[in-house]
Amino acid sequence: MQHPGFFDRAGPFTLDELVSGTKITLPATVNPALAIEDARPLDAATQAHVTFLDNRKYAPQLRTTAAAACFVREEFATQVSPGTAALVTADPYRAFAQTLARFYPGAGRSRVAEMGGEPGPVHSTATVEAGAIIEPGAIVGREARVGRGTIVESGAVIGYRVTVGRDGYVGPNAVLTHALVGDRVVVHAGVKIGQDGFGFAMGSRGHLKVPQIGRVIIQDDVEIGANTTVDRGSLKDTIIGEGTKIDNLVQIGHNVVVGRHCVIVSMVGISGSSELGDFVVVGGQAGIVGHLKIGSGAQIAGRTAVTHDLAAGGRYGGTPAKPLVEFARELAAVKLLAKRKKV
């Protein structure tokens, strides 16, 4: 059965309606009455969608997108795919955020459990398979599903339409919203999964919140340590691959994709839209900036600052990240310099 989704969508809206109240002028060749059903990223948009380009790293996708229209700065207007209307604006991200807010006016308000005044901890529309254990004080919200053999501890919340698979564990005070969780997944105490990502269109007039309408997908056999947070995607999904083990106090941003059987140690921060391949190891307190690709099998030492893509199978350390052998030589050289006597 296909999941019904977590958000209600308004619309469709015509192109003319979407640009009304802005300084955007529709190209003369564009039909202002063209109906737009939704907002999507460049690589997923069709002729029913509007999209945007704000980061030049994704310019190649601009040339191939199938979107009906795209918010772009003037410098990219001539690079828009044929058949896609260029909606020229000085701030494409802000324009897109305003459009998302029209399509998803309720996205900023978490529905969490939506008990609707029901007296019990499990909503009447929820599905709890035989053999699942819901401890006193836990809440299973409207249309949620909990699989056989899964334990949901006291104080935990399984939110609206969240699915948790079989033989799993959800620890005390963990909160799961906007998430689809596989089998044999262990979620320790205080974990927060599915809260909205840190998305703002910043500007001199203030910072406009960008609705976050994606999900979190947790595949089978994942373990997530205490007080770790996993933000839901902005447009796409945040994905944690099967068998991955995540320590305590880790922050995973929106749209992040973590591959299979990765190990992420305590206090790591992974910024939005970065992608880790399979069997990646990230040491404690390392940080990965957004929109990067970390190749499969890469090993990142503790406290490393990753500011660029890393090749598969490499071992890295330092700030910024560099091959571990090179980083070790730098440390040795600095140590020798420090021991030198003044002449």
Protein backbone atom coordinates (compact mmCIF):
# COMPACT_ATOMS: atom_id res chain seq x y z
CA MET A 1 0.00 0.00 0.00
CA GLN A 2 1.37 3.39 -0.97
CA HIS A 3 1.91 5.76 1.95
CA PRO A 4 -0.60 8.66 1.84
CA GLY A 5 2.01 11.25 2.81
CA PHE A 6 2.33 13.62 5.74
CA PHE A 7 1.18 16.94 4.25
CA ASP A 8 -1.97 18.35 2.67
CA ARG A 9 -1.33 20.19 -0.60
CA ALA A 10 -3.28 23.22 -1.83
CA GLY A 11 -3.70 24.23 -5.46
CA PRO A 12 -3.29 23.83 -8.32
CA PHE A 13 -2.34 27.45 -9.00
CA THR A 14 -1.83 29.16 -12.32
CA LEU A 15 1.55 30.67 -13.14
CA ASP A 16 -0.06 34.08 -13.01
CA GLU A 17 -1.27 33.39 -9.46
CA LEU A 18 2.15 32.18 -8.35
CA VAL A 19 3.94 35.37 -9.45
CA SER A 20 1.20 37.79 -8.37
CA GLY A 21 2.46 40.29 -5.82
CA THR A 22 6.06 39.79 -6.91
CA LYS A 23 8.30 41.72 -9.29
CA ILE A 24 8.51 38.72 -11.63
CA THR A 25 7.27 39.23 -15.18
CA LEU A 26 6.13 36.18 -17.09
CA PRO A 27 7.80 35.75 -20.49
CA ALA A 28 5.51 36.67 -23.38
CA THR A 29 5.70 33.14 -24.75
CA VAL A 30 4.35 31.59 -21.53
CA ASN A 31 0.69 30.82 -20.91
CA PRO A 32 -0.22 32.65 -17.66
CA ALA A 33 -3.15 30.26 -17.11
CA LEU A 34 -0.89 27.19 -17.09
CA ALA A 35 -1.83 25.11 -14.03
CA ILE A 36 0.97 24.20 -11.60
CA GLU A 37 0.20 21.30 -9.27
CA ASP A 38 3.24 21.25 -7.00
CA ALA A 39 6.81 22.40 -6.33
CA ARG A 40 9.69 19.96 -6.89
CA PRO A 41 13.51 19.95 -7.14
CA LEU A 42 15.10 20.40 -10.56
CA ASP A 43 15.76 16.73 -11.20
CA ALA A 44 12.29 15.54 -10.15
CA ALA A 45 10.08 18.23 -11.68
CA THR A 46 7.72 17.64 -14.63
CA GLN A 47 5.45 19.92 -16.65
CA ALA A 48 3.07 20.02 -13.68
CA HIS A 49 5.70 21.55 -11.38
CA VAL A 50 7.61 24.70 -10.56
CA THR A 51 11.23 24.54 -9.38
CA PHE A 52 14.21 26.82 -8.65
CA LEU A 53 17.97 27.22 -8.99
CA ASP A 54 19.89 29.04 -6.28
CA ASN A 55 23.15 27.05 -6.05
CA ARG A 56 25.22 27.11 -9.24
CA LYS A 57 26.45 23.59 -8.39
CA TYR A 58 23.12 22.36 -9.75
CA ALA A 59 23.27 24.35 -13.00
CA PRO A 60 23.66 21.17 -15.11
CA GLN A 61 20.24 20.05 -13.84
CA LEU A 62 18.79 23.38 -14.94
CA ARG A 63 19.61 22.53 -18.55
CA THR A 64 17.76 19.21 -18.40
CA THR A 65 14.86 19.86 -16.02
CA ALA A 66 11.35 19.06 -17.28
CA ALA A 67 9.67 21.65 -15.02
CA ALA A 68 7.00 23.98 -16.35
CA ALA A 69 8.74 26.96 -14.75
CA CYS A 70 11.87 27.73 -12.77
CA PHE A 71 12.81 30.62 -10.49
CA VAL A 72 16.31 31.76 -11.53
CA ARG A 73 18.59 34.75 -11.35
CA GLU A 74 19.05 36.65 -14.59
CA GLU A 75 22.52 35.22 -15.19
CA PHE A 76 21.02 31.72 -15.56
CA ALA A 77 17.91 32.64 -17.54
CA THR A 78 19.41 31.61 -20.88
CA GLN A 79 20.47 28.20 -19.52
CA VAL A 80 16.96 27.03 -18.63
CA SER A 81 15.84 23.83 -20.35
CA PRO A 82 13.69 24.27 -23.49
CA GLY A 83 10.04 24.12 -22.52
CA THR A 84 10.70 25.54 -19.05
CA ALA A 85 9.70 29.14 -18.36
CA ALA A 86 12.42 31.22 -16.69
CA LEU A 87 10.93 33.20 -13.79
CA VAL A 88 13.67 35.77 -13.32
CA THR A 89 14.13 37.13 -9.80
CA ALA A 90 16.99 38.48 -7.70
CA ASP A 91 16.26 35.91 -4.98
CA PRO A 92 15.05 32.56 -6.42
CA TYR A 93 15.19 30.76 -3.08
CA ARG A 94 12.90 33.30 -1.39
CA ALA A 95 10.48 33.20 -4.33
CA PHE A 96 10.41 29.42 -4.18
CA ALA A 97 9.89 29.48 -0.40
CA GLN A 98 6.87 31.73 -0.84
CA THR A 99 5.51 29.36 -3.47
CA LEU A 100 6.01 26.32 -1.22
CA ALA A 101 4.13 28.12 1.55
CA ARG A 102 1.16 28.52 -0.83
CA PHE A 103 1.12 24.86 -1.72
CA TYR A 104 1.73 23.65 1.85
CA PRO A 105 0.28 26.23 4.28
CA GLY A 106 0.26 23.72 7.15
CA ALA A 107 3.82 22.43 6.77
CA GLY A 108 5.19 24.61 9.56
CA ARG A 109 2.84 23.12 12.16
CA SER A 110 3.80 19.62 13.23
CA ARG A 111 0.78 17.32 13.51
CA VAL A 112 2.76 14.97 15.77
CA ALA A 113 0.34 12.55 17.39
CA GLU A 114 -3.03 14.18 16.58
CA MET A 115 -4.90 12.31 19.29
CA GLY A 116 -8.06 14.36 18.72
CA GLY A 117 -9.10 14.22 22.37
CA GLU A 118 -9.17 10.42 22.49
CA PRO A 119 -8.67 9.10 26.03
CA GLY A 120 -6.21 6.29 25.30
CA PRO A 121 -2.52 6.43 24.30
CA VAL A 122 -3.17 4.68 20.98
CA HIS A 123 -5.38 6.46 18.44
CA SER A 124 -8.32 4.44 17.17
CA THR A 125 -7.06 4.77 13.59
CA ALA A 126 -3.55 3.53 14.44
CA THR A 127 -2.47 -0.03 13.64
CA VAL A 128 -0.49 -1.87 16.31
CA GLU A 129 0.31 -5.45 15.31
CA ALA A 130 -0.11 -8.28 17.79
CA GLY A 131 3.08 -8.73 19.79
CA ALA A 132 4.05 -5.04 19.79
CA ILE A 133 4.43 -3.49 23.26
CA ILE A 134 3.30 0.08 23.91
CA GLU A 135 4.49 1.06 27.39
CA PRO A 136 2.33 3.24 29.67
CA GLY A 137 2.83 6.91 28.82
CA ALA A 138 3.79 6.30 25.19
CA ILE A 139 1.63 7.76 22.41
CA VAL A 140 0.81 6.26 19.02
CA GLY A 141 -0.86 8.90 16.86
CA ARG A 142 -3.50 8.95 14.18
CA GLU A 143 -2.97 6.50 11.29
CA ALA A 144 0.41 5.43 12.67
CA ARG A 145 1.60 1.82 12.37
CA VAL A 146 3.77 -0.21 14.77
CA GLY A 147 4.97 -3.66 13.76
CA ARG A 148 5.00 -6.96 15.61
CA GLY A 149 7.69 -7.32 18.29
CA THR A 150 8.50 -3.61 18.48
CA ILE A 151 8.72 -1.99 21.92
CA VAL A 152 7.72 1.66 22.36
CA GLU A 153 8.92 2.91 25.76
CA SER A 154 7.25 5.38 28.13
CA GLY A 155 7.18 8.97 26.95
CA ALA A 156 7.89 8.09 23.32
CA VAL A 157 5.71 9.54 20.57
CA ILE A 158 4.95 7.82 17.25
CA GLY A 159 3.47 10.66 15.22
CA TYR A 160 0.79 11.06 12.60
CA ARG A 161 1.06 8.42 9.84
CA VAL A 162 4.53 7.32 11.00
CA THR A 163 5.34 3.69 10.25
CA VAL A 164 7.65 1.66 12.50
CA GLY A 165 8.57 -1.86 11.37
CA ARG A 166 8.86 -5.13 13.25
CA ASP A 167 11.17 -6.20 16.10
CA GLY A 168 12.34 -2.64 16.72
CA TYR A 169 12.83 -0.49 19.79
CA VAL A 170 11.84 3.13 20.45
CA GLY A 171 13.37 4.43 23.68
CA PRO A 172 11.94 6.72 26.34
CA ASN A 173 11.06 10.25 25.19
CA ALA A 174 12.02 9.57 21.58
CA VAL A 175 9.81 11.40 19.07
CA LEU A 176 9.23 10.14 15.52
CA THR A 177 7.35 12.32 13.04
CA HIS A 178 7.22 12.35 9.21
CA ALA A 179 9.16 9.09 9.16
CA LEU A 180 9.03 5.60 7.69
CA VAL A 181 11.12 3.22 9.79
CA GLY A 182 12.15 -0.30 8.79
CA ASP A 183 12.50 -3.56 10.72
CA ARG A 184 14.86 -4.18 13.66
CA VAL A 185 15.61 -0.48 14.05
CA VAL A 186 16.83 0.67 17.48
CA VAL A 187 16.05 4.26 18.43
CA HIS A 188 17.52 5.17 21.82
CA ALA A 189 16.22 7.60 24.45
CA GLY A 190 15.63 11.20 23.45
CA VAL A 191 16.14 10.73 19.71
CA LYS A 192 14.20 13.18 17.56
CA ILE A 193 13.41 12.11 14.00
CA GLY A 194 11.46 14.04 11.40
CA GLN A 195 11.44 17.60 12.73
CA ASP A 196 11.68 20.26 10.05
CA GLY A 197 15.10 21.03 8.63
CA PHE A 198 16.97 24.30 9.12
CA GLY A 199 15.84 26.05 5.96
CA PHE A 200 15.62 29.84 5.66
CA ALA A 201 15.77 32.21 2.71
CA MET A 202 18.01 34.82 4.28
CA GLY A 203 17.91 38.46 3.29
CA SER A 204 18.14 42.08 4.41
CA ARG A 205 14.39 42.10 5.12
CA GLY A 206 14.69 39.15 7.49
CA HIS A 207 14.87 35.40 7.14
CA LEU A 208 11.91 33.65 5.51
CA LYS A 209 11.21 30.11 6.72
CA VAL A 210 11.17 27.56 3.91
CA PRO A 211 8.52 24.84 4.38
CA GLN A 212 10.06 21.38 4.79
CA ILE A 213 7.82 18.84 3.06
CA GLY A 214 10.09 15.79 2.80
CA ARG A 215 10.29 12.68 4.97
CA VAL A 216 12.84 10.60 6.85
CA ILE A 217 13.42 7.04 5.61
CA ILE A 218 15.17 4.74 8.09
CA GLN A 219 16.03 1.40 6.50
CA ASP A 220 16.33 -1.99 8.26
CA ASP A 221 18.82 -2.74 11.08
CA VAL A 222 19.76 0.88 11.78
CA GLU A 223 20.69 1.95 15.34
CA ILE A 224 20.46 5.58 16.43
CA GLY A 225 22.06 6.75 19.69
CA ALA A 226 20.55 8.86 22.46
CA ASN A 227 19.65 12.49 21.74
CA THR A 228 20.58 12.30 18.07
CA THR A 229 18.44 14.36 15.66
CA VAL A 230 17.54 13.54 12.06
CA ASP A 231 15.78 16.34 10.16
CA ARG A 232 13.18 15.54 7.54
CA GLY A 233 13.91 16.51 3.94
CA SER A 234 13.00 19.88 2.49
CA LEU A 235 11.77 18.58 -0.88
CA LYS A 236 13.44 15.18 -1.08
CA ASP A 237 13.79 12.59 1.71
CA THR A 238 16.47 12.26 4.35
CA ILE A 239 17.63 8.64 4.12
CA ILE A 240 19.58 6.44 6.54
CA GLY A 241 20.74 3.26 4.81
CA GLU A 242 20.36 -0.26 6.17
CA GLY A 243 22.72 -1.43 8.89
CA THR A 244 24.09 2.04 9.64
CA LYS A 245 25.05 2.73 13.26
CA ILE A 246 24.81 6.28 14.63
CA ASP A 247 26.17 7.29 18.04
CA ASN A 248 24.73 9.75 20.59
CA LEU A 249 24.38 13.49 19.94
CA VAL A 250 24.71 13.42 16.16
CA GLN A 251 22.96 16.01 13.96
CA ILE A 252 21.86 14.95 10.47
CA GLY A 253 20.44 17.75 8.33
CA HIS A 254 17.65 17.78 5.77
CA ASN A 255 18.05 15.83 2.51
CA VAL A 256 21.14 14.01 3.78
CA VAL A 257 21.60 10.53 2.34
CA VAL A 258 23.65 8.10 4.45
CA GLY A 259 24.56 4.84 2.73
CA ARG A 260 24.45 1.27 4.02
CA HIS A 261 26.48 0.08 7.02
CA CYS A 262 28.04 3.44 7.82
CA VAL A 263 29.38 4.29 11.30
CA ILE A 264 28.88 7.82 12.59
CA VAL A 265 30.44 8.60 15.98
CA SER A 266 29.22 11.01 18.65
CA MET A 267 28.85 14.78 18.05
CA VAL A 268 29.19 14.61 14.26
CA GLY A 269 27.28 17.19 12.24
CA ILE A 270 26.25 16.53 8.64
CA SER A 271 24.82 19.53 6.81
CA GLY A 272 21.90 19.43 4.41
CA SER A 273 21.97 17.63 1.05
CA SER A 274 25.31 15.88 1.59
CA GLU A 275 25.54 12.22 0.57
CA LEU A 276 27.61 9.46 2.15
CA GLY A 277 28.29 6.23 0.27
CA ASP A 278 28.25 2.76 1.83
CA PHE A 279 30.56 1.74 4.72
CA VAL A 280 31.69 5.32 5.43
CA VAL A 281 33.15 5.93 8.90
CA VAL A 282 32.97 9.40 10.47
CA GLY A 283 34.93 10.03 13.69
CA GLY A 284 33.66 12.02 16.66
CA GLN A 285 33.12 15.78 16.36
CA ALA A 286 33.76 15.78 12.62
CA GLY A 287 31.72 18.19 10.51
CA ILE A 288 30.58 17.86 6.91
CA VAL A 289 29.31 20.95 5.07
CA GLY A 290 26.31 20.80 2.77
CA HIS A 291 25.93 19.49 -0.78
CA LEU A 292 29.00 17.22 -0.68
CA LYS A 293 29.55 13.62 -1.78
CA ILE A 294 31.60 11.25 0.37
CA GLY A 295 32.66 8.12 -1.53
CA SER A 296 31.96 4.61 -0.29
CA GLY A 297 34.46 3.25 2.22
CA ALA A 298 35.91 6.65 3.09
CA GLN A 299 37.20 7.04 6.67
CA ILE A 300 37.08 10.48 8.30
CA ALA A 301 39.08 11.07 11.48
CA GLY A 302 37.63 12.79 14.53
CA ARG A 303 37.37 16.60 14.42
CA THR A 304 37.92 16.68 10.68
CA ALA A 305 36.26 19.56 8.80
CA VAL A 306 35.04 18.28 5.44
CA THR A 307 34.59 21.15 2.99
CA HIS A 308 34.85 19.34 -0.35
CA ASP A 309 33.93 16.01 -1.93
CA LEU A 310 35.98 13.00 -0.76
CA ALA A 311 36.96 10.04 -2.92
CA ALA A 312 35.90 6.50 -2.15
CA GLY A 313 38.17 4.40 0.04
CA GLY A 314 40.35 7.28 1.25
CA ARG A 315 41.37 8.10 4.82
CA TYR A 316 41.12 11.76 5.78
CA GLY A 317 41.85 14.15 8.65
CA GLY A 318 42.48 17.81 9.41
CA THR A 319 40.92 21.17 8.71
CA PRO A 320 40.12 21.28 5.88
CA ALA A 321 40.05 17.53 5.25
CA LYS A 322 43.10 16.07 3.48
CA PRO A 323 44.60 12.59 3.08
CA LEU A 324 45.45 11.25 6.53
CA VAL A 325 49.12 10.64 5.67
CA GLU A 326 49.50 14.26 4.61
CA PHE A 327 47.75 15.47 7.76
CA ALA A 328 50.03 13.31 9.96
CA ARG A 329 53.13 14.77 8.27
CA GLU A 330 51.85 18.30 8.88
CA LEU A 331 51.36 17.54 12.58
CA ALA A 332 54.85 16.04 12.82
CA ALA A 333 56.40 19.07 11.09
CA VAL A 334 54.63 21.50 13.42
CA LYS A 335 55.77 19.45 16.42
CA LEU A 336 59.40 19.66 15.26
CA LEU A 337 59.14 23.41 14.68
CA ALA A 338 57.75 23.87 18.19
CA LYS A 339 60.77 22.06 19.68
CA ARG A 340 63.33 24.19 17.89
CA LYS A 341 65.42 26.48 20.08
CA LYS A 342 65.49 30.16 19.27
CA VAL A 343 68.63 31.21 17.41
